Amino acid sequence: MSLTVLFVLVLLGGSLLEEPIHREGLPANNVILLLCTLAFILIALWSKTWFSVVIPLVLFGPTFFFERSNVSGEAVLYDSAAITIIACLLIAIWPLFIKQKDQPKK
């Protein structure tokens, strides 16, 4: 849990402290994305949980797909935020549905 909180803090607060020194181009970003995806999948297989894949997908997935489309920067920001918030709410609510489904009916 603390690692996830640290990850979110770095994601949200990293650009507030200082601008990145170096930015990669699209091909290098795709290679980095592929390597990170493989690492997250291997961690998920090793730990037998899929949260190590789902959480980064929820946080970075919308932005990744919207940046490669022909929409304005403001639309990318708003749409990515909306999808991320909805996905986080669904992840938080999902265990309640599973728990309710598993309870025997009287």
PDB file of N, CA and C in Angstrom:
ATOM      1  N   MET A   1       0.820  -1.189   0.000  1.00  0.00           N
ATOM      2  CA  MET A   1       0.000   0.000   0.000  1.00  0.00           C
ATOM      3  C   MET A   1       0.861   1.249   0.000  1.00  0.00           C
ATOM      4  N   SER A   2       1.924   1.236   0.801  1.00  0.00           N
ATOM      5  CA  SER A   2       2.779   2.428   0.872  1.00  0.00           C
ATOM      6  C   SER A   2       3.501   2.663  -0.457  1.00  0.00           C
ATOM      7  N   LEU A   3       3.804   1.590  -1.160  1.00  0.00           N
ATOM      8  CA  LEU A   3       4.443   1.747  -2.465  1.00  0.00           C
ATOM      9  C   LEU A   3       3.491   2.394  -3.463  1.00  0.00           C
ATOM     10  N   THR A   4       2.223   2.039  -3.405  1.00  0.00           N
ATOM     11  CA  THR A   4       1.230   2.648  -4.290  1.00  0.00           C
ATOM     12  C   THR A   4       1.058   4.125  -3.983  1.00  0.00           C
ATOM     13  N   VAL A   5       1.028   4.482  -2.702  1.00  0.00           N
ATOM     14  CA  VAL A   5       0.914   5.889  -2.313  1.00  0.00           C
ATOM     15  C   VAL A   5       2.127   6.664  -2.799  1.00  0.00           C
ATOM     16  N   LEU A   6       3.311   6.102  -2.633  1.00  0.00           N
ATOM     17  CA  LEU A   6       4.528   6.752  -3.114  1.00  0.00           C
ATOM     18  C   LEU A   6       4.496   6.921  -4.625  1.00  0.00           C
ATOM     19  N   PHE A   7       4.026   5.901  -5.331  1.00  0.00           N
ATOM     20  CA  PHE A   7       3.919   5.953  -6.787  1.00  0.00           C
ATOM     21  C   PHE A   7       2.999   7.086  -7.225  1.00  0.00           C
ATOM     22  N   VAL A   8       1.849   7.211  -6.578  1.00  0.00           N
ATOM     23  CA  VAL A   8       0.891   8.266  -6.925  1.00  0.00           C
ATOM     24  C   VAL A   8       1.458   9.642  -6.588  1.00  0.00           C
ATOM     25  N   LEU A   9       2.140   9.776  -5.457  1.00  0.00           N
ATOM     26  CA  LEU A   9       2.745  11.064  -5.097  1.00  0.00           C
ATOM     27  C   LEU A   9       3.810  11.489  -6.093  1.00  0.00           C
ATOM     28  N   VAL A  10       4.626  10.564  -6.520  1.00  0.00           N
ATOM     29  CA  VAL A  10       5.649  10.890  -7.517  1.00  0.00           C
ATOM     30  C   VAL A  10       5.001  11.246  -8.845  1.00  0.00           C
ATOM     31  N   LEU A  11       3.955  10.506  -9.211  1.00  0.00           N
ATOM     32  CA  LEU A  11       3.246  10.780 -10.460  1.00  0.00           C
ATOM     33  C   LEU A  11       2.629  12.172 -10.458  1.00  0.00           C
ATOM     34  N   LEU A  12       1.963  12.524  -9.375  1.00  0.00           N
ATOM     35  CA  LEU A  12       1.266  13.805  -9.316  1.00  0.00           C
ATOM     36  C   LEU A  12       2.185  14.971  -8.966  1.00  0.00           C
ATOM     37  N   GLY A  13       3.165  14.746  -8.112  1.00  0.00           N
ATOM     38  CA  GLY A  13       3.998  15.845  -7.647  1.00  0.00           C
ATOM     39  C   GLY A  13       5.332  15.983  -8.336  1.00  0.00           C
ATOM     40  N   GLY A  14       5.697  15.034  -9.173  1.00  0.00           N
ATOM     41  CA  GLY A  14       7.013  15.072  -9.818  1.00  0.00           C
ATOM     42  C   GLY A  14       7.213  16.269 -10.720  1.00  0.00           C
ATOM     43  N   SER A  15       6.215  16.642 -11.450  1.00  0.00           N
ATOM     44  CA  SER A  15       6.364  17.769 -12.379  1.00  0.00           C
ATOM     45  C   SER A  15       6.269  19.112 -11.660  1.00  0.00           C
ATOM     46  N   LEU A  16       5.737  19.129 -10.444  1.00  0.00           N
ATOM     47  CA  LEU A  16       5.651  20.379  -9.701  1.00  0.00           C
ATOM     48  C   LEU A  16       7.011  20.815  -9.159  1.00  0.00           C
ATOM     49  N   LEU A  17       7.864  19.853  -8.852  1.00  0.00           N
ATOM     50  CA  LEU A  17       9.161  20.182  -8.266  1.00  0.00           C
ATOM     51  C   LEU A  17      10.135  20.725  -9.293  1.00  0.00           C
ATOM     52  N   GLU A  18      10.261  20.045 -10.401  1.00  0.00           N
ATOM     53  CA  GLU A  18      11.226  20.456 -11.418  1.00  0.00           C
ATOM     54  C   GLU A  18      10.859  19.817 -12.749  1.00  0.00           C
ATOM     55  N   GLU A  19      11.135  20.528 -13.821  1.00  0.00           N
ATOM     56  CA  GLU A  19      10.894  19.983 -15.153  1.00  0.00           C
ATOM     57  C   GLU A  19      11.884  18.851 -15.430  1.00  0.00           C
ATOM     58  N   PRO A  20      11.462  17.850 -16.183  1.00  0.00           N
ATOM     59  CA  PRO A  20      12.381  16.771 -16.536  1.00  0.00           C
ATOM     60  C   PRO A  20      13.573  17.298 -17.333  1.00  0.00           C
ATOM     61  N   ILE A  21      14.727  16.736 -17.087  1.00  0.00           N
ATOM     62  CA  ILE A  21      15.950  17.159 -17.778  1.00  0.00           C
ATOM     63  C   ILE A  21      15.940  16.660 -19.211  1.00  0.00           C
ATOM     64  N   HIS A  22      15.421  15.454 -19.402  1.00  0.00           N
ATOM     65  CA  HIS A  22      15.458  14.834 -20.725  1.00  0.00           C
ATOM     66  C   HIS A  22      14.103  14.212 -21.021  1.00  0.00           C
ATOM     67  N   ARG A  23      13.614  14.426 -22.215  1.00  0.00           N
ATOM     68  CA  ARG A  23      12.365  13.800 -22.654  1.00  0.00           C
ATOM     69  C   ARG A  23      12.663  12.917 -23.858  1.00  0.00           C
ATOM     70  N   GLU A  24      12.138  11.710 -23.814  1.00  0.00           N
ATOM     71  CA  GLU A  24      12.337  10.771 -24.906  1.00  0.00           C
ATOM     72  C   GLU A  24      11.313  11.025 -26.010  1.00  0.00           C
ATOM     73  N   GLY A  25      11.612  10.548 -27.194  1.00  0.00           N
ATOM     74  CA  GLY A  25      10.681  10.629 -28.310  1.00  0.00           C
ATOM     75  C   GLY A  25       9.695   9.480 -28.264  1.00  0.00           C
ATOM     76  N   LEU A  26       8.809   9.425 -29.224  1.00  0.00           N
ATOM     77  CA  LEU A  26       7.762   8.403 -29.255  1.00  0.00           C
ATOM     78  C   LEU A  26       8.312   6.980 -29.384  1.00  0.00           C
ATOM     79  N   PRO A  27       9.309   6.709 -30.250  1.00  0.00           N
ATOM     80  CA  PRO A  27       9.816   5.326 -30.319  1.00  0.00           C
ATOM     81  C   PRO A  27      10.444   4.862 -29.004  1.00  0.00           C
ATOM     82  N   ALA A  28      11.202   5.744 -28.350  1.00  0.00           N
ATOM     83  CA  ALA A  28      11.821   5.365 -27.078  1.00  0.00           C
ATOM     84  C   ALA A  28      10.751   5.175 -26.006  1.00  0.00           C
ATOM     85  N   ASN A  29       9.712   6.004 -26.020  1.00  0.00           N
ATOM     86  CA  ASN A  29       8.620   5.835 -25.067  1.00  0.00           C
ATOM     87  C   ASN A  29       7.907   4.507 -25.275  1.00  0.00           C
ATOM     88  N   ASN A  30       7.760   4.088 -26.510  1.00  0.00           N
ATOM     89  CA  ASN A  30       7.117   2.802 -26.783  1.00  0.00           C
ATOM     90  C   ASN A  30       7.959   1.638 -26.281  1.00  0.00           C
ATOM     91  N   VAL A  31       9.269   1.722 -26.432  1.00  0.00           N
ATOM     92  CA  VAL A  31      10.157   0.672 -25.920  1.00  0.00           C
ATOM     93  C   VAL A  31      10.097   0.634 -24.396  1.00  0.00           C
ATOM     94  N   ILE A  32      10.127   1.805 -23.762  1.00  0.00           N
ATOM     95  CA  ILE A  32      10.037   1.875 -22.304  1.00  0.00           C
ATOM     96  C   ILE A  32       8.701   1.318 -21.831  1.00  0.00           C
ATOM     97  N   LEU A  33       7.628   1.657 -22.534  1.00  0.00           N
ATOM     98  CA  LEU A  33       6.310   1.143 -22.188  1.00  0.00           C
ATOM     99  C   LEU A  33       6.269  -0.380 -22.293  1.00  0.00           C
ATOM    100  N   LEU A  34       6.847  -0.931 -23.335  1.00  0.00           N
ATOM    101  CA  LEU A  34       6.883  -2.382 -23.512  1.00  0.00           C
ATOM    102  C   LEU A  34       7.656  -3.056 -22.380  1.00  0.00           C
ATOM    103  N   LEU A  35       8.810  -2.510 -22.020  1.00  0.00           N
ATOM    104  CA  LEU A  35       9.608  -3.091 -20.936  1.00  0.00           C
ATOM    105  C   LEU A  35       8.883  -3.010 -19.594  1.00  0.00           C
ATOM    106  N   CYS A  36       8.254  -1.882 -19.328  1.00  0.00           N
ATOM    107  CA  CYS A  36       7.508  -1.734 -18.076  1.00  0.00           C
ATOM    108  C   CYS A  36       6.302  -2.670 -18.041  1.00  0.00           C
ATOM    109  N   THR A  37       5.624  -2.817 -19.157  1.00  0.00           N
ATOM    110  CA  THR A  37       4.482  -3.716 -19.230  1.00  0.00           C
ATOM    111  C   THR A  37       4.907  -5.153 -18.953  1.00  0.00           C
ATOM    112  N   LEU A  38       6.003  -5.561 -19.549  1.00  0.00           N
ATOM    113  CA  LEU A  38       6.516  -6.913 -19.291  1.00  0.00           C
ATOM    114  C   LEU A  38       6.892  -7.093 -17.830  1.00  0.00           C
ATOM    115  N   ALA A  39       7.517  -6.069 -17.241  1.00  0.00           N
ATOM    116  CA  ALA A  39       7.892  -6.147 -15.828  1.00  0.00           C
ATOM    117  C   ALA A  39       6.650  -6.268 -14.949  1.00  0.00           C
ATOM    118  N   PHE A  40       5.616  -5.465 -15.224  1.00  0.00           N
ATOM    119  CA  PHE A  40       4.397  -5.531 -14.420  1.00  0.00           C
ATOM    120  C   PHE A  40       3.702  -6.882 -14.577  1.00  0.00           C
ATOM    121  N   ILE A  41       3.686  -7.430 -15.775  1.00  0.00           N
ATOM    122  CA  ILE A  41       3.063  -8.738 -15.993  1.00  0.00           C
ATOM    123  C   ILE A  41       3.841  -9.839 -15.276  1.00  0.00           C
ATOM    124  N   LEU A  42       5.156  -9.783 -15.323  1.00  0.00           N
ATOM    125  CA  LEU A  42       5.966 -10.778 -14.610  1.00  0.00           C
ATOM    126  C   LEU A  42       5.759 -10.681 -13.103  1.00  0.00           C
ATOM    127  N   ILE A  43       5.661  -9.462 -12.578  1.00  0.00           N
ATOM    128  CA  ILE A  43       5.390  -9.289 -11.153  1.00  0.00           C
ATOM    129  C   ILE A  43       4.012  -9.841 -10.808  1.00  0.00           C
ATOM    130  N   ALA A  44       3.041  -9.614 -11.678  1.00  0.00           N
ATOM    131  CA  ALA A  44       1.687 -10.126 -11.442  1.00  0.00           C
ATOM    132  C   ALA A  44       1.675 -11.652 -11.440  1.00  0.00           C
ATOM    133  N   LEU A  45       2.385 -12.266 -12.362  1.00  0.00           N
ATOM    134  CA  LEU A  45       2.456 -13.723 -12.384  1.00  0.00           C
ATOM    135  C   LEU A  45       3.172 -14.268 -11.157  1.00  0.00           C
ATOM    136  N   TRP A  46       4.229 -13.587 -10.741  1.00  0.00           N
ATOM    137  CA  TRP A  46       4.992 -14.029  -9.589  1.00  0.00           C
ATOM    138  C   TRP A  46       4.176 -13.908  -8.301  1.00  0.00           C
ATOM    139  N   SER A  47       3.467 -12.783  -8.150  1.00  0.00           N
ATOM    140  CA  SER A  47       2.710 -12.550  -6.921  1.00  0.00           C
ATOM    141  C   SER A  47       1.293 -13.124  -6.980  1.00  0.00           C
ATOM    142  N   LYS A  48       0.880 -13.601  -8.130  1.00  0.00           N
ATOM    143  CA  LYS A  48      -0.450 -14.183  -8.342  1.00  0.00           C
ATOM    144  C   LYS A  48      -1.571 -13.189  -8.044  1.00  0.00           C
ATOM    145  N   THR A  49      -1.308 -11.913  -8.302  1.00  0.00           N
ATOM    146  CA  THR A  49      -2.319 -10.865  -8.202  1.00  0.00           C
ATOM    147  C   THR A  49      -2.196  -9.983  -9.426  1.00  0.00           C
ATOM    148  N   TRP A  50      -3.312  -9.424  -9.849  1.00  0.00           N
ATOM    149  CA  TRP A  50      -3.284  -8.598 -11.049  1.00  0.00           C
ATOM    150  C   TRP A  50      -3.314  -7.111 -10.750  1.00  0.00           C
ATOM    151  N   PHE A  51      -3.232  -6.737  -9.468  1.00  0.00           N
ATOM    152  CA  PHE A  51      -3.239  -5.319  -9.149  1.00  0.00           C
ATOM    153  C   PHE A  51      -1.989  -4.609  -9.641  1.00  0.00           C
ATOM    154  N   SER A  52      -0.891  -5.320  -9.767  1.00  0.00           N
ATOM    155  CA  SER A  52       0.328  -4.679 -10.288  1.00  0.00           C
ATOM    156  C   SER A  52       0.197  -4.355 -11.769  1.00  0.00           C
ATOM    157  N   VAL A  53      -0.788  -4.903 -12.438  1.00  0.00           N
ATOM    158  CA  VAL A  53      -1.061  -4.558 -13.834  1.00  0.00           C
ATOM    159  C   VAL A  53      -2.220  -3.561 -13.919  1.00  0.00           C
ATOM    160  N   VAL A  54      -3.230  -3.755 -13.090  1.00  0.00           N
ATOM    161  CA  VAL A  54      -4.435  -2.935 -13.175  1.00  0.00           C
ATOM    162  C   VAL A  54      -4.172  -1.492 -12.751  1.00  0.00           C
ATOM    163  N   ILE A  55      -3.461  -1.280 -11.657  1.00  0.00           N
ATOM    164  CA  ILE A  55      -3.245   0.076 -11.146  1.00  0.00           C
ATOM    165  C   ILE A  55      -2.474   0.937 -12.138  1.00  0.00           C
ATOM    166  N   PRO A  56      -1.318   0.499 -12.683  1.00  0.00           N
ATOM    167  CA  PRO A  56      -0.658   1.342 -13.696  1.00  0.00           C
ATOM    168  C   PRO A  56      -1.498   1.530 -14.955  1.00  0.00           C
ATOM    169  N   LEU A  57      -2.268   0.515 -15.322  1.00  0.00           N
ATOM    170  CA  LEU A  57      -3.126   0.648 -16.494  1.00  0.00           C
ATOM    171  C   LEU A  57      -4.191   1.725 -16.278  1.00  0.00           C
ATOM    172  N   VAL A  58      -4.753   1.760 -15.081  1.00  0.00           N
ATOM    173  CA  VAL A  58      -5.756   2.780 -14.769  1.00  0.00           C
ATOM    174  C   VAL A  58      -5.127   4.165 -14.730  1.00  0.00           C
ATOM    175  N   LEU A  59      -3.921   4.273 -14.173  1.00  0.00           N
ATOM    176  CA  LEU A  59      -3.287   5.579 -14.035  1.00  0.00           C
ATOM    177  C   LEU A  59      -2.731   6.112 -15.353  1.00  0.00           C
ATOM    178  N   PHE A  60      -2.109   5.258 -16.149  1.00  0.00           N
ATOM    179  CA  PHE A  60      -1.425   5.721 -17.349  1.00  0.00           C
ATOM    180  C   PHE A  60      -2.130   5.382 -18.654  1.00  0.00           C
ATOM    181  N   GLY A  61      -3.006   4.394 -18.645  1.00  0.00           N
ATOM    182  CA  GLY A  61      -3.654   3.948 -19.862  1.00  0.00           C
ATOM    183  C   GLY A  61      -4.428   5.008 -20.616  1.00  0.00           C
ATOM    184  N   PRO A  62      -5.330   5.723 -19.945  1.00  0.00           N
ATOM    185  CA  PRO A  62      -6.105   6.738 -20.678  1.00  0.00           C
ATOM    186  C   PRO A  62      -5.232   7.809 -21.324  1.00  0.00           C
ATOM    187  N   THR A  63      -4.258   8.303 -20.584  1.00  0.00           N
ATOM    188  CA  THR A  63      -3.376   9.330 -21.134  1.00  0.00           C
ATOM    189  C   THR A  63      -2.604   8.797 -22.328  1.00  0.00           C
ATOM    190  N   PHE A  64      -2.126   7.558 -22.221  1.00  0.00           N
ATOM    191  CA  PHE A  64      -1.363   6.942 -23.308  1.00  0.00           C
ATOM    192  C   PHE A  64      -2.196   6.887 -24.580  1.00  0.00           C
ATOM    193  N   PHE A  65      -3.445   6.453 -24.475  1.00  0.00           N
ATOM    194  CA  PHE A  65      -4.280   6.319 -25.665  1.00  0.00           C
ATOM    195  C   PHE A  65      -4.767   7.658 -26.195  1.00  0.00           C
ATOM    196  N   PHE A  66      -5.098   8.574 -25.298  1.00  0.00           N
ATOM    197  CA  PHE A  66      -5.591   9.872 -25.756  1.00  0.00           C
ATOM    198  C   PHE A  66      -4.485  10.719 -26.384  1.00  0.00           C
ATOM    199  N   GLU A  67      -3.240  10.585 -25.914  1.00  0.00           N
ATOM    200  CA  GLU A  67      -2.135  11.349 -26.502  1.00  0.00           C
ATOM    201  C   GLU A  67      -1.872  10.934 -27.941  1.00  0.00           C
ATOM    202  N   ARG A  68      -2.213   9.724 -28.299  1.00  0.00           N
ATOM    203  CA  ARG A  68      -1.971   9.240 -29.649  1.00  0.00           C
ATOM    204  C   ARG A  68      -3.182   9.467 -30.559  1.00  0.00           C
ATOM    205  N   SER A  69      -4.171  10.164 -30.068  1.00  0.00           N
ATOM    206  CA  SER A  69      -5.336  10.492 -30.893  1.00  0.00           C
ATOM    207  C   SER A  69      -5.279  11.970 -31.274  1.00  0.00           C
ATOM    208  N   ASN A  70      -6.197  12.382 -32.100  1.00  0.00           N
ATOM    209  CA  ASN A  70      -6.213  13.761 -32.588  1.00  0.00           C
ATOM    210  C   ASN A  70      -7.186  14.616 -31.784  1.00  0.00           C
ATOM    211  N   VAL A  71      -6.930  14.759 -30.491  1.00  0.00           N
ATOM    212  CA  VAL A  71      -7.741  15.627 -29.654  1.00  0.00           C
ATOM    213  C   VAL A  71      -6.840  16.671 -29.007  1.00  0.00           C
ATOM    214  N   SER A  72      -7.439  17.738 -28.529  1.00  0.00           N
ATOM    215  CA  SER A  72      -6.652  18.822 -27.936  1.00  0.00           C
ATOM    216  C   SER A  72      -6.073  18.384 -26.596  1.00  0.00           C
ATOM    217  N   GLY A  73      -5.087  19.122 -26.133  1.00  0.00           N
ATOM    218  CA  GLY A  73      -4.434  18.810 -24.868  1.00  0.00           C
ATOM    219  C   GLY A  73      -5.383  18.901 -23.689  1.00  0.00           C
ATOM    220  N   GLU A  74      -6.285  19.860 -23.740  1.00  0.00           N
ATOM    221  CA  GLU A  74      -7.250  20.008 -22.662  1.00  0.00           C
ATOM    222  C   GLU A  74      -8.213  18.830 -22.633  1.00  0.00           C
ATOM    223  N   ALA A  75      -8.623  18.355 -23.783  1.00  0.00           N
ATOM    224  CA  ALA A  75      -9.518  17.196 -23.843  1.00  0.00           C
ATOM    225  C   ALA A  75      -8.817  15.948 -23.317  1.00  0.00           C
ATOM    226  N   VAL A  76      -7.532  15.807 -23.634  1.00  0.00           N
ATOM    227  CA  VAL A  76      -6.757  14.674 -23.108  1.00  0.00           C
ATOM    228  C   VAL A  76      -6.755  14.715 -21.594  1.00  0.00           C
ATOM    229  N   LEU A  77      -6.526  15.884 -21.032  1.00  0.00           N
ATOM    230  CA  LEU A  77      -6.470  16.040 -19.582  1.00  0.00           C
ATOM    231  C   LEU A  77      -7.810  15.689 -18.937  1.00  0.00           C
ATOM    232  N   TYR A  78      -8.884  16.264 -19.430  1.00  0.00           N
ATOM    233  CA  TYR A  78     -10.196  16.023 -18.835  1.00  0.00           C
ATOM    234  C   TYR A  78     -10.667  14.583 -19.028  1.00  0.00           C
ATOM    235  N   ASP A  79     -10.505  14.050 -20.221  1.00  0.00           N
ATOM    236  CA  ASP A  79     -10.952  12.685 -20.481  1.00  0.00           C
ATOM    237  C   ASP A  79     -10.137  11.667 -19.689  1.00  0.00           C
ATOM    238  N   SER A  80      -8.836  11.863 -19.622  1.00  0.00           N
ATOM    239  CA  SER A  80      -7.990  10.946 -18.859  1.00  0.00           C
ATOM    240  C   SER A  80      -8.346  10.980 -17.385  1.00  0.00           C
ATOM    241  N   ALA A  81      -8.573  12.176 -16.846  1.00  0.00           N
ATOM    242  CA  ALA A  81      -8.945  12.288 -15.439  1.00  0.00           C
ATOM    243  C   ALA A  81     -10.288  11.622 -15.174  1.00  0.00           C
ATOM    244  N   ALA A  82     -11.251  11.828 -16.041  1.00  0.00           N
ATOM    245  CA  ALA A  82     -12.572  11.226 -15.844  1.00  0.00           C
ATOM    246  C   ALA A  82     -12.496   9.702 -15.881  1.00  0.00           C
ATOM    247  N   ILE A  83     -11.800   9.153 -16.853  1.00  0.00           N
ATOM    248  CA  ILE A  83     -11.693   7.697 -16.967  1.00  0.00           C
ATOM    249  C   ILE A  83     -10.938   7.125 -15.774  1.00  0.00           C
ATOM    250  N   THR A  84      -9.875   7.802 -15.338  1.00  0.00           N
ATOM    251  CA  THR A  84      -9.105   7.327 -14.193  1.00  0.00           C
ATOM    252  C   THR A  84      -9.943   7.334 -12.927  1.00  0.00           C
ATOM    253  N   ILE A  85     -10.703   8.388 -12.696  1.00  0.00           N
ATOM    254  CA  ILE A  85     -11.543   8.459 -11.496  1.00  0.00           C
ATOM    255  C   ILE A  85     -12.616   7.379 -11.526  1.00  0.00           C
ATOM    256  N   ILE A  86     -13.270   7.205 -12.659  1.00  0.00           N
ATOM    257  CA  ILE A  86     -14.305   6.166 -12.773  1.00  0.00           C
ATOM    258  C   ILE A  86     -13.702   4.779 -12.560  1.00  0.00           C
ATOM    259  N   ALA A  87     -12.545   4.523 -13.139  1.00  0.00           N
ATOM    260  CA  ALA A  87     -11.903   3.215 -12.973  1.00  0.00           C
ATOM    261  C   ALA A  87     -11.497   2.976 -11.520  1.00  0.00           C
ATOM    262  N   CYS A  88     -10.987   3.998 -10.850  1.00  0.00           N
ATOM    263  CA  CYS A  88     -10.617   3.851  -9.443  1.00  0.00           C
ATOM    264  C   CYS A  88     -11.849   3.577  -8.583  1.00  0.00           C
ATOM    265  N   LEU A  89     -12.962   4.237  -8.874  1.00  0.00           N
ATOM    266  CA  LEU A  89     -14.195   3.968  -8.137  1.00  0.00           C
ATOM    267  C   LEU A  89     -14.682   2.540  -8.372  1.00  0.00           C
ATOM    268  N   LEU A  90     -14.589   2.076  -9.603  1.00  0.00           N
ATOM    269  CA  LEU A  90     -14.994   0.698  -9.897  1.00  0.00           C
ATOM    270  C   LEU A  90     -14.104  -0.312  -9.173  1.00  0.00           C
ATOM    271  N   ILE A  91     -12.807  -0.025  -9.111  1.00  0.00           N
ATOM    272  CA  ILE A  91     -11.893  -0.919  -8.390  1.00  0.00           C
ATOM    273  C   ILE A  91     -12.229  -0.933  -6.909  1.00  0.00           C
ATOM    274  N   ALA A  92     -12.606   0.222  -6.357  1.00  0.00           N
ATOM    275  CA  ALA A  92     -12.956   0.292  -4.940  1.00  0.00           C
ATOM    276  C   ALA A  92     -14.284  -0.394  -4.643  1.00  0.00           C
ATOM    277  N   ILE A  93     -15.235  -0.336  -5.565  1.00  0.00           N
ATOM    278  CA  ILE A  93     -16.563  -0.899  -5.345  1.00  0.00           C
ATOM    279  C   ILE A  93     -16.618  -2.396  -5.678  1.00  0.00           C
ATOM    280  N   TRP A  94     -15.766  -2.859  -6.550  1.00  0.00           N
ATOM    281  CA  TRP A  94     -15.794  -4.250  -7.004  1.00  0.00           C
ATOM    282  C   TRP A  94     -15.794  -5.272  -5.859  1.00  0.00           C
ATOM    283  N   PRO A  95     -14.944  -5.142  -4.829  1.00  0.00           N
ATOM    284  CA  PRO A  95     -14.981  -6.137  -3.737  1.00  0.00           C
ATOM    285  C   PRO A  95     -16.325  -6.199  -3.018  1.00  0.00           C
ATOM    286  N   LEU A  96     -17.043  -5.092  -2.965  1.00  0.00           N
ATOM    287  CA  LEU A  96     -18.362  -5.109  -2.328  1.00  0.00           C
ATOM    288  C   LEU A  96     -19.338  -5.990  -3.104  1.00  0.00           C
ATOM    289  N   PHE A  97     -19.286  -5.912  -4.431  1.00  0.00           N
ATOM    290  CA  PHE A  97     -20.151  -6.762  -5.253  1.00  0.00           C
ATOM    291  C   PHE A  97     -19.772  -8.231  -5.119  1.00  0.00           C
ATOM    292  N   ILE A  98     -18.496  -8.514  -5.062  1.00  0.00           N
ATOM    293  CA  ILE A  98     -18.039  -9.900  -4.915  1.00  0.00           C
ATOM    294  C   ILE A  98     -18.464 -10.448  -3.558  1.00  0.00           C
ATOM    295  N   LYS A  99     -18.310  -9.626  -2.506  1.00  0.00           N
ATOM    296  CA  LYS A  99     -18.692 -10.067  -1.169  1.00  0.00           C
ATOM    297  C   LYS A  99     -20.185 -10.318  -1.074  1.00  0.00           C
ATOM    298  N   GLN A 100     -20.983  -9.433  -1.667  1.00  0.00           N
ATOM    299  CA  GLN A 100     -22.429  -9.586  -1.635  1.00  0.00           C
ATOM    300  C   GLN A 100     -22.863 -10.810  -2.439  1.00  0.00           C
ATOM    301  N   LYS A 101     -22.171 -11.098  -3.511  1.00  0.00           N
ATOM    302  CA  LYS A 101     -22.518 -12.245  -4.363  1.00  0.00           C
ATOM    303  C   LYS A 101     -22.199 -13.561  -3.648  1.00  0.00           C
ATOM    304  N   ASP A 102     -21.135 -13.564  -2.844  1.00  0.00           N
ATOM    305  CA  ASP A 102     -20.714 -14.796  -2.154  1.00  0.00           C
ATOM    306  C   ASP A 102     -21.536 -15.115  -0.914  1.00  0.00           C
ATOM    307  N   GLN A 103     -22.258 -14.136  -0.373  1.00  0.00           N
ATOM    308  CA  GLN A 103     -23.051 -14.392   0.825  1.00  0.00           C
ATOM    309  C   GLN A 103     -24.271 -15.258   0.480  1.00  0.00           C
ATOM    310  N   PRO A 104     -24.551 -16.231   1.320  1.00  0.00           N
ATOM    311  CA  PRO A 104     -25.726 -17.075   1.060  1.00  0.00           C
ATOM    312  C   PRO A 104     -27.009 -16.296   1.323  1.00  0.00           C
ATOM    313  N   LYS A 105     -28.028 -16.557   0.513  1.00  0.00           N
ATOM    314  CA  LYS A 105     -29.331 -15.902   0.684  1.00  0.00           C
ATOM    315  C   LYS A 105     -30.160 -16.677   1.672  1.00  0.00           C
ATOM    316  N   LYS A 106     -30.879 -15.911   2.510  1.00  0.00           N
ATOM    317  CA  LYS A 106     -31.704 -16.561   3.540  1.00  0.00           C
ATOM    318  C   LYS A 106     -33.136 -16.636   3.124  1.00  0.00           C
TER     319      LYS A 106
END
